[in-house]
C-alpha atoms as a PDB file:
ATOM      1  CA  MET A   1       0.621  -3.584  24.741  1.00  0.00           C
ATOM      2  CA  LYS A   2      -1.077  -0.816  22.737  1.00  0.00           C
ATOM      3  CA  ASN A   3      -4.611  -0.511  21.381  1.00  0.00           C
ATOM      4  CA  TYR A   4      -4.708   0.390  17.706  1.00  0.00           C
ATOM      5  CA  LYS A   5      -7.510   2.035  15.797  1.00  0.00           C
ATOM      6  CA  ILE A   6      -7.706   1.085  12.108  1.00  0.00           C
ATOM      7  CA  SER A   7      -9.915   2.686   9.463  1.00  0.00           C
ATOM      8  CA  TYR A   8     -10.100   1.472   5.872  1.00  0.00           C
ATOM      9  CA  TYR A   9     -11.954   2.180   2.652  1.00  0.00           C
ATOM     10  CA  MET A  10     -11.963   1.178  -1.004  1.00  0.00           C
ATOM     11  CA  HIS A  11     -13.692   2.422  -4.150  1.00  0.00           C
ATOM     12  CA  VAL A  12     -13.735   1.158  -7.745  1.00  0.00           C
ATOM     13  CA  GLY A  13     -13.208   4.695  -9.079  1.00  0.00           C
ATOM     14  CA  LEU A  14     -13.824   5.101 -12.800  1.00  0.00           C
ATOM     15  CA  ARG A  15     -12.813   1.549 -13.661  1.00  0.00           C
ATOM     16  CA  SER A  16     -15.195  -1.302 -14.426  1.00  0.00           C
ATOM     17  CA  ASN A  17     -13.579  -3.725 -11.961  1.00  0.00           C
ATOM     18  CA  GLN A  18     -11.774  -3.570  -8.632  1.00  0.00           C
ATOM     19  CA  GLU A  19      -8.094  -4.504  -8.913  1.00  0.00           C
ATOM     20  CA  ASP A  20      -7.203  -3.331  -5.403  1.00  0.00           C
ATOM     21  CA  CYS A  21      -7.402  -5.751  -2.497  1.00  0.00           C
ATOM     22  CA  LEU A  22      -7.110  -5.108   1.256  1.00  0.00           C
ATOM     23  CA  PHE A  23      -5.621  -7.386   3.895  1.00  0.00           C
ATOM     24  CA  ILE A  24      -6.955  -6.394   7.320  1.00  0.00           C
ATOM     25  CA  ASN A  25      -5.178  -8.643   9.810  1.00  0.00           C
ATOM     26  CA  GLY A  26      -6.465 -11.819   8.192  1.00  0.00           C
ATOM     27  CA  GLU A  27      -9.650 -10.500   6.599  1.00  0.00           C
ATOM     28  CA  ILE A  28      -9.627  -9.848   2.850  1.00  0.00           C
ATOM     29  CA  PHE A  29     -11.695  -7.294   0.971  1.00  0.00           C
ATOM     30  CA  GLN A  30     -12.045  -6.763  -2.759  1.00  0.00           C
ATOM     31  CA  GLU A  31     -15.304  -4.871  -3.106  1.00  0.00           C
ATOM     32  CA  GLU A  32     -16.417  -2.338  -5.704  1.00  0.00           C
ATOM     33  CA  GLY A  33     -16.616   0.036  -2.794  1.00  0.00           C
ATOM     34  CA  PHE A  34     -17.771   0.452   0.778  1.00  0.00           C
ATOM     35  CA  ASP A  35     -20.836   2.506   1.673  1.00  0.00           C
ATOM     36  CA  SER A  36     -18.795   4.163   4.410  1.00  0.00           C
ATOM     37  CA  VAL A  37     -15.493   3.965   6.201  1.00  0.00           C
ATOM     38  CA  ILE A  38     -14.968   0.825   8.278  1.00  0.00           C
ATOM     39  CA  THR A  39     -13.264   1.371  11.635  1.00  0.00           C
ATOM     40  CA  ILE A  40     -12.071  -1.389  13.951  1.00  0.00           C
ATOM     41  CA  GLN A  41      -9.932  -1.759  17.050  1.00  0.00           C
ATOM     42  CA  ASN A  42      -6.955  -4.017  17.540  1.00  0.00           C
ATOM     43  CA  ASN A  43      -6.365  -4.654  21.238  1.00  0.00           C
ATOM     44  CA  SER A  44      -3.768  -7.400  20.814  1.00  0.00           C
ATOM     45  CA  GLY A  45      -0.891  -5.103  19.916  1.00  0.00           C
ATOM     46  CA  HIS A  46      -0.056  -7.262  16.893  1.00  0.00           C
ATOM     47  CA  GLY A  47      -1.318  -7.089  13.327  1.00  0.00           C
ATOM     48  CA  LEU A  48      -0.667  -7.033   9.601  1.00  0.00           C
ATOM     49  CA  TYR A  49      -2.377  -4.587   7.241  1.00  0.00           C
ATOM     50  CA  ALA A  50      -1.720  -4.277   3.511  1.00  0.00           C
ATOM     51  CA  VAL A  51      -2.961  -2.754   0.264  1.00  0.00           C
ATOM     52  CA  CYS A  52      -2.384  -4.615  -3.004  1.00  0.00           C
ATOM     53  CA  ASP A  53      -2.981  -2.992  -6.403  1.00  0.00           C
ATOM     54  CA  GLY A  54      -3.248  -5.420  -9.304  1.00  0.00           C
ATOM     55  CA  MET A  55      -2.164  -4.852 -12.891  1.00  0.00           C
ATOM     56  CA  GLY A  56      -2.375  -6.714 -16.151  1.00  0.00           C
ATOM     57  CA  GLY A  57      -5.752  -5.842 -17.625  1.00  0.00           C
ATOM     58  CA  MET A  58      -8.950  -7.907 -17.864  1.00  0.00           C
ATOM     59  CA  ASN A  59      -9.257  -9.807 -14.571  1.00  0.00           C
ATOM     60  CA  LYS A  60      -5.551 -10.565 -14.200  1.00  0.00           C
ATOM     61  CA  GLY A  61      -4.784  -7.640 -11.900  1.00  0.00           C
ATOM     62  CA  GLU A  62      -7.833  -8.458  -9.829  1.00  0.00           C
ATOM     63  CA  TRP A  63      -6.671 -12.065  -9.538  1.00  0.00           C
ATOM     64  CA  ALA A  64      -3.075 -11.137  -8.641  1.00  0.00           C
ATOM     65  CA  SER A  65      -3.906  -8.714  -5.833  1.00  0.00           C
ATOM     66  CA  LYS A  66      -6.363 -11.153  -4.226  1.00  0.00           C
ATOM     67  CA  PHE A  67      -3.984 -14.090  -4.643  1.00  0.00           C
ATOM     68  CA  ILE A  68      -1.341 -12.189  -2.672  1.00  0.00           C
ATOM     69  CA  CYS A  69      -3.785 -11.289   0.099  1.00  0.00           C
ATOM     70  CA  ASP A  70      -5.021 -14.895   0.215  1.00  0.00           C
ATOM     71  CA  HIS A  71      -1.468 -16.007   0.980  1.00  0.00           C
ATOM     72  CA  LEU A  72      -0.402 -13.335   3.450  1.00  0.00           C
ATOM     73  CA  LYS A  73       0.057 -14.568   7.018  1.00  0.00           C
ATOM     74  CA  LYS A  74      -1.035 -12.258   9.791  1.00  0.00           C
ATOM     75  CA  ASP A  75       1.225 -14.086  12.265  1.00  0.00           C
ATOM     76  CA  ILE A  76       4.412 -13.477  10.275  1.00  0.00           C
ATOM     77  CA  GLU A  77       7.528 -13.051  12.434  1.00  0.00           C
ATOM     78  CA  PHE A  78       8.524  -9.469  13.169  1.00  0.00           C
ATOM     79  CA  ARG A  79      11.866  -9.577  11.319  1.00  0.00           C
ATOM     80  CA  ASP A  80      13.027  -8.071   8.030  1.00  0.00           C
ATOM     81  CA  GLN A  81      14.253 -11.361   6.607  1.00  0.00           C
ATOM     82  CA  GLU A  82      10.995 -13.113   7.468  1.00  0.00           C
ATOM     83  CA  ILE A  83       8.999 -10.455   5.597  1.00  0.00           C
ATOM     84  CA  ILE A  84      11.268 -10.775   2.561  1.00  0.00           C
ATOM     85  CA  LYS A  85      11.120 -14.589   2.719  1.00  0.00           C
ATOM     86  CA  HIS A  86       7.326 -14.572   2.983  1.00  0.00           C
ATOM     87  CA  LEU A  87       6.839 -12.284  -0.027  1.00  0.00           C
ATOM     88  CA  SER A  88       9.397 -14.297  -2.008  1.00  0.00           C
ATOM     89  CA  GLU A  89       7.405 -17.456  -1.250  1.00  0.00           C
ATOM     90  CA  ILE A  90       4.236 -15.764  -2.512  1.00  0.00           C
ATOM     91  CA  GLN A  91       6.103 -14.785  -5.687  1.00  0.00           C
ATOM     92  CA  THR A  92       6.984 -18.464  -6.217  1.00  0.00           C
ATOM     93  CA  LEU A  93       3.362 -19.481  -5.636  1.00  0.00           C
ATOM     94  CA  VAL A  94       2.202 -16.902  -8.202  1.00  0.00           C
ATOM     95  CA  GLU A  95       4.654 -18.233 -10.787  1.00  0.00           C
ATOM     96  CA  ASN A  96       3.443 -21.783 -10.187  1.00  0.00           C
ATOM     97  CA  GLU A  97      -0.125 -20.712 -11.008  1.00  0.00           C
ATOM     98  CA  ASN A  98       1.049 -19.996 -14.576  1.00  0.00           C
ATOM     99  CA  VAL A  99      -1.227 -16.961 -15.005  1.00  0.00           C
ATOM    100  CA  GLN A 100       0.430 -14.917 -17.727  1.00  0.00           C
ATOM    101  CA  LYS A 101       1.058 -11.158 -17.776  1.00  0.00           C
ATOM    102  CA  SER A 102      -0.279 -10.327 -14.340  1.00  0.00           C
ATOM    103  CA  GLY A 103       1.137  -8.761 -11.216  1.00  0.00           C
ATOM    104  CA  SER A 104       0.433  -6.592  -8.226  1.00  0.00           C
ATOM    105  CA  THR A 105       2.045  -4.052  -5.975  1.00  0.00           C
ATOM    106  CA  ILE A 106       1.890  -4.420  -2.208  1.00  0.00           C
ATOM    107  CA  ALA A 107       2.411  -1.991   0.672  1.00  0.00           C
ATOM    108  CA  GLY A 108       1.962  -3.005   4.263  1.00  0.00           C
ATOM    109  CA  VAL A 109       2.427  -2.331   7.942  1.00  0.00           C
ATOM    110  CA  LEU A 110       3.336  -5.030  10.466  1.00  0.00           C
ATOM    111  CA  LEU A 111       2.646  -4.134  14.102  1.00  0.00           C
ATOM    112  CA  LYS A 112       4.204  -5.474  17.290  1.00  0.00           C
ATOM    113  CA  ASP A 113       3.203  -3.408  20.321  1.00  0.00           C
ATOM    114  CA  LYS A 114       4.638   0.056  19.524  1.00  0.00           C
ATOM    115  CA  ASP A 115       7.108  -1.234  16.932  1.00  0.00           C
ATOM    116  CA  ILE A 116       6.278  -1.031  13.227  1.00  0.00           C
ATOM    117  CA  LYS A 117       7.698  -2.587  10.093  1.00  0.00           C
ATOM    118  CA  ILE A 118       6.879  -0.869   6.795  1.00  0.00           C
ATOM    119  CA  PHE A 119       7.292  -2.876   3.590  1.00  0.00           C
ATOM    120  CA  ASN A 120       6.458  -2.466  -0.079  1.00  0.00           C
ATOM    121  CA  CYS A 121       6.982  -3.722  -3.618  1.00  0.00           C
ATOM    122  CA  GLY A 122       5.861  -1.401  -6.415  1.00  0.00           C
ATOM    123  CA  ASP A 123       4.229   2.004  -6.041  1.00  0.00           C
ATOM    124  CA  SER A 124       1.563   1.447  -3.409  1.00  0.00           C
ATOM    125  CA  ARG A 125       2.726   3.618  -0.535  1.00  0.00           C
ATOM    126  CA  VAL A 126       2.993   4.070   3.207  1.00  0.00           C
ATOM    127  CA  TYR A 127       3.020   7.558   4.740  1.00  0.00           C
ATOM    128  CA  LYS A 128       3.836   8.526   8.301  1.00  0.00           C
ATOM    129  CA  ILE A 129       1.731  11.473   9.471  1.00  0.00           C
ATOM    130  CA  THR A 130       2.694  13.436  12.590  1.00  0.00           C
ATOM    131  CA  PRO A 131       1.212  16.711  13.866  1.00  0.00           C
ATOM    132  CA  GLY A 132       3.940  18.616  12.018  1.00  0.00           C
ATOM    133  CA  GLN A 133       4.564  16.775   8.776  1.00  0.00           C
ATOM    134  CA  ILE A 134       3.885  13.946   6.368  1.00  0.00           C
ATOM    135  CA  GLU A 135       6.697  11.597   5.396  1.00  0.00           C
ATOM    136  CA  TYR A 136       6.632   9.085   2.553  1.00  0.00           C
ATOM    137  CA  VAL A 137       8.296   6.160   4.361  1.00  0.00           C
ATOM    138  CA  SER A 138       7.965   3.419   1.737  1.00  0.00           C
ATOM    139  CA  HIS A 139       9.850   3.677  -1.561  1.00  0.00           C
ATOM    140  CA  ASP A 140       8.402   3.320  -5.061  1.00  0.00           C
ATOM    141  CA  HIS A 141       9.889   0.691  -7.353  1.00  0.00           C
ATOM    142  CA  SER A 142       9.205   2.744 -10.476  1.00  0.00           C
ATOM    143  CA  LEU A 143      10.982   4.251 -13.447  1.00  0.00           C
ATOM    144  CA  VAL A 144      10.169   7.777 -12.310  1.00  0.00           C
ATOM    145  CA  GLN A 145      11.349   7.139  -8.739  1.00  0.00           C
ATOM    146  CA  HIS A 146      14.668   5.991 -10.192  1.00  0.00           C
ATOM    147  CA  SER A 147      14.958   9.342 -11.952  1.00  0.00           C
ATOM    148  CA  VAL A 148      14.199  11.150  -8.687  1.00  0.00           C
ATOM    149  CA  ASP A 149      16.768   9.046  -6.802  1.00  0.00           C
ATOM    150  CA  ASP A 150      19.403   9.797  -9.461  1.00  0.00           C
ATOM    151  CA  GLY A 151      18.668  13.530  -9.338  1.00  0.00           C
ATOM    152  CA  TYR A 152      17.340  13.863 -12.888  1.00  0.00           C
ATOM    153  CA  ILE A 153      13.905  15.145 -11.848  1.00  0.00           C
ATOM    154  CA  THR A 154      12.319  16.516  -8.685  1.00  0.00           C
ATOM    155  CA  THR A 155       9.497  14.909  -6.718  1.00  0.00           C
ATOM    156  CA  GLU A 156       7.251  17.715  -7.975  1.00  0.00           C
ATOM    157  CA  GLU A 157       8.124  16.882 -11.592  1.00  0.00           C
ATOM    158  CA  ALA A 158       7.557  13.192 -10.866  1.00  0.00           C
ATOM    159  CA  PHE A 159       3.934  13.806  -9.879  1.00  0.00           C
ATOM    160  CA  ASP A 160       2.910  14.744 -13.444  1.00  0.00           C
ATOM    161  CA  HIS A 161       5.485  12.657 -15.312  1.00  0.00           C
ATOM    162  CA  ILE A 162       4.251  10.803 -18.406  1.00  0.00           C
ATOM    163  CA  HIS A 163       5.913   7.560 -17.246  1.00  0.00           C
ATOM    164  CA  LYS A 164       4.898   7.743 -13.580  1.00  0.00           C
ATOM    165  CA  ASN A 165       3.001   4.447 -13.774  1.00  0.00           C
ATOM    166  CA  VAL A 166       5.862   2.338 -15.148  1.00  0.00           C
ATOM    167  CA  ILE A 167       6.437  -0.137 -12.314  1.00  0.00           C
ATOM    168  CA  GLU A 168       9.746  -1.987 -12.093  1.00  0.00           C
ATOM    169  CA  PHE A 169       9.054  -4.444  -9.269  1.00  0.00           C
ATOM    170  CA  GLY A 170       6.157  -6.161  -7.577  1.00  0.00           C
ATOM    171  CA  ILE A 171       4.719  -9.646  -7.204  1.00  0.00           C
ATOM    172  CA  GLY A 172       3.591 -11.570 -10.276  1.00  0.00           C
ATOM    173  CA  ASP A 173       4.833 -13.379 -13.350  1.00  0.00           C
ATOM    174  CA  ILE A 174       5.664 -10.052 -15.038  1.00  0.00           C
ATOM    175  CA  PHE A 175       8.317  -9.497 -12.354  1.00  0.00           C
ATOM    176  CA  LYS A 176       9.828 -12.996 -12.469  1.00  0.00           C
ATOM    177  CA  LYS A 177      13.055 -11.882 -14.172  1.00  0.00           C
ATOM    178  CA  VAL A 178      13.579  -9.089 -11.639  1.00  0.00           C
ATOM    179  CA  TRP A 179      13.188 -11.531  -8.747  1.00  0.00           C
ATOM    180  CA  ASP A 180      15.404 -14.162 -10.424  1.00  0.00           C
ATOM    181  CA  GLU A 181      18.193 -11.684 -11.169  1.00  0.00           C
ATOM    182  CA  LYS A 182      17.788  -9.904  -7.790  1.00  0.00           C
ATOM    183  CA  ARG A 183      17.689  -6.556  -9.593  1.00  0.00           C
ATOM    184  CA  SER A 184      15.385  -5.175  -6.934  1.00  0.00           C
ATOM    185  CA  SER A 185      14.197  -6.152  -3.475  1.00  0.00           C
ATOM    186  CA  VAL A 186      11.431  -5.645  -0.940  1.00  0.00           C
ATOM    187  CA  PHE A 187      11.768  -2.245   0.714  1.00  0.00           C
ATOM    188  CA  ILE A 188      11.556  -2.320   4.525  1.00  0.00           C
ATOM    189  CA  ASN A 189      11.553   0.477   7.083  1.00  0.00           C
ATOM    190  CA  SER A 190      11.206   0.421  10.878  1.00  0.00           C
ATOM    191  CA  PHE A 191       9.596   2.851  13.315  1.00  0.00           C
ATOM    192  CA  THR A 192       8.271   3.220  16.828  1.00  0.00           C
ATOM    193  CA  LEU A 193       4.707   4.505  16.969  1.00  0.00           C
ATOM    194  CA  ASN A 194       4.147   7.605  19.106  1.00  0.00           C
ATOM    195  CA  GLU A 195       0.779   8.619  20.530  1.00  0.00           C
ATOM    196  CA  THR A 196       0.214  11.312  17.895  1.00  0.00           C
ATOM    197  CA  ASP A 197       1.443   9.356  14.845  1.00  0.00           C
ATOM    198  CA  CYS A 198      -0.724   7.801  12.147  1.00  0.00           C
ATOM    199  CA  TYR A 199       0.231   5.639   9.178  1.00  0.00           C
ATOM    200  CA  LEU A 200      -1.536   5.788   5.826  1.00  0.00           C
ATOM    201  CA  ILE A 201      -1.252   2.787   3.479  1.00  0.00           C
ATOM    202  CA  CYS A 202      -2.655   3.498   0.026  1.00  0.00           C
ATOM    203  CA  SER A 203      -2.814   2.396  -3.583  1.00  0.00           C
ATOM    204  CA  ASP A 204      -1.661   4.814  -6.280  1.00  0.00           C
ATOM    205  CA  GLY A 205      -5.285   5.800  -6.807  1.00  0.00           C
ATOM    206  CA  VAL A 206      -4.713   8.072  -3.804  1.00  0.00           C
ATOM    207  CA  CYS A 207      -1.173   9.386  -4.283  1.00  0.00           C
ATOM    208  CA  ASP A 208      -1.578   9.812  -8.054  1.00  0.00           C
ATOM    209  CA  VAL A 209      -4.283  12.438  -7.529  1.00  0.00           C
ATOM    210  CA  LEU A 210      -3.097  14.073  -4.296  1.00  0.00           C
ATOM    211  CA  ARG A 211       0.374  15.439  -3.672  1.00  0.00           C
ATOM    212  CA  ASP A 212       1.958  14.642  -0.328  1.00  0.00           C
ATOM    213  CA  ASN A 213       1.372  18.144   1.001  1.00  0.00           C
ATOM    214  CA  GLU A 214      -2.282  17.944  -0.032  1.00  0.00           C
ATOM    215  CA  ILE A 215      -2.731  14.662   1.825  1.00  0.00           C
ATOM    216  CA  PHE A 216      -1.207  16.284   4.896  1.00  0.00           C
ATOM    217  CA  ALA A 217      -3.371  19.399   4.607  1.00  0.00           C
ATOM    218  CA  ILE A 218      -6.539  17.279   4.468  1.00  0.00           C
ATOM    219  CA  LEU A 219      -5.716  14.733   7.166  1.00  0.00           C
ATOM    220  CA  SER A 220      -3.772  16.818   9.669  1.00  0.00           C
ATOM    221  CA  PRO A 221      -3.937  17.070  12.617  1.00  0.00           C
ATOM    222  CA  GLU A 222      -6.406  14.187  13.276  1.00  0.00           C
ATOM    223  CA  PRO A 223      -6.284  11.744  10.317  1.00  0.00           C
ATOM    224  CA  LEU A 224      -8.758   9.264  11.784  1.00  0.00           C
ATOM    225  CA  GLU A 225     -11.362  11.986  12.328  1.00  0.00           C
ATOM    226  CA  VAL A 226     -11.542  13.500   8.825  1.00  0.00           C
ATOM    227  CA  ILE A 227     -11.645  10.435   6.569  1.00  0.00           C
ATOM    228  CA  PRO A 228     -15.047  11.262   4.967  1.00  0.00           C
ATOM    229  CA  GLU A 229     -13.668  14.601   3.747  1.00  0.00           C
ATOM    230  CA  PHE A 230     -10.539  12.826   2.489  1.00  0.00           C
ATOM    231  CA  ILE A 231     -12.672  10.402   0.473  1.00  0.00           C
ATOM    232  CA  GLU A 232     -14.791  13.143  -1.105  1.00  0.00           C
ATOM    233  CA  ILE A 233     -11.726  15.040  -2.310  1.00  0.00           C
ATOM    234  CA  ILE A 234     -10.258  11.880  -3.867  1.00  0.00           C
ATOM    235  CA  LYS A 235     -13.583  11.169  -5.583  1.00  0.00           C
ATOM    236  CA  GLU A 236     -13.517  14.615  -7.196  1.00  0.00           C
ATOM    237  CA  ARG A 237     -10.238  13.738  -8.930  1.00  0.00           C
ATOM    238  CA  MET A 238     -10.271   9.926  -9.185  1.00  0.00           C
ATOM    239  CA  ASN A 239      -9.473   8.063 -12.378  1.00  0.00           C
ATOM    240  CA  ASP A 240      -8.550   4.672 -10.901  1.00  0.00           C
ATOM    241  CA  ASN A 241      -9.489   2.280  -8.123  1.00  0.00           C
ATOM    242  CA  PHE A 242      -8.432   3.754  -4.803  1.00  0.00           C
ATOM    243  CA  SER A 243      -7.977   2.102  -1.429  1.00  0.00           C
ATOM    244  CA  PHE A 244      -6.402   3.054   1.855  1.00  0.00           C
ATOM    245  CA  ILE A 245      -5.872   2.033   5.466  1.00  0.00           C
ATOM    246  CA  ILE A 246      -5.121   4.476   8.291  1.00  0.00           C
ATOM    247  CA  ILE A 247      -3.586   3.189  11.523  1.00  0.00           C
ATOM    248  CA  GLY A 248      -3.228   5.097  14.788  1.00  0.00           C
ATOM    249  CA  LEU A 249      -3.294   4.600  18.528  1.00  0.00           C
ATOM    250  CA  GLU A 250      -6.471   4.945  20.563  1.00  0.00           C
END
């Protein structure tokens, strides 16, 4: 069994309402912003942590991201198919609410001792940070990411692309046809956590204003120790809500 250290933060940015929502192993947060970073310990070796980023305008994005967090289960089984099944069930619940033109991304980390499952729908991201590099270990469901995957543009070109915020998959009524036709699916990745590794889960309010190498330059080599500086740099550039969770070993 391993002891995890988890730090998290959220800020409304330049928007009038908070459409991000955090799931912290059963606790849910959708605040305009925290006064400071919140840091907790997880001594059980098990946990679920996720960032949801709502979309749809008015209060619909706010509703969608919180609805998803309200229905996440922290005791979900540590298997790919169980994660997919659980998110599919939440998609069905969303559709049954009959809230029109709303949706949300989700990115999360499921812990079991030193084993980790990464999952995401949409463009909220998970990064793995080691002493030597940063690795984007989730995978955007976006129009621009498709162009990167097909070799039409580079990741550097994608950062400033005019259509970078066109999302092709997530949870919500706006993605019903994609789920029904199975045109996309939940992305899942698996890792074993080493003593020096950290995982960053974030909404696009972070990765839209900081390139991967910039995130690494700020957070490396001790991500959990430099979070206040990380926040201040994001605030200098922010144009959206931004939220993140950083997970490491004690």
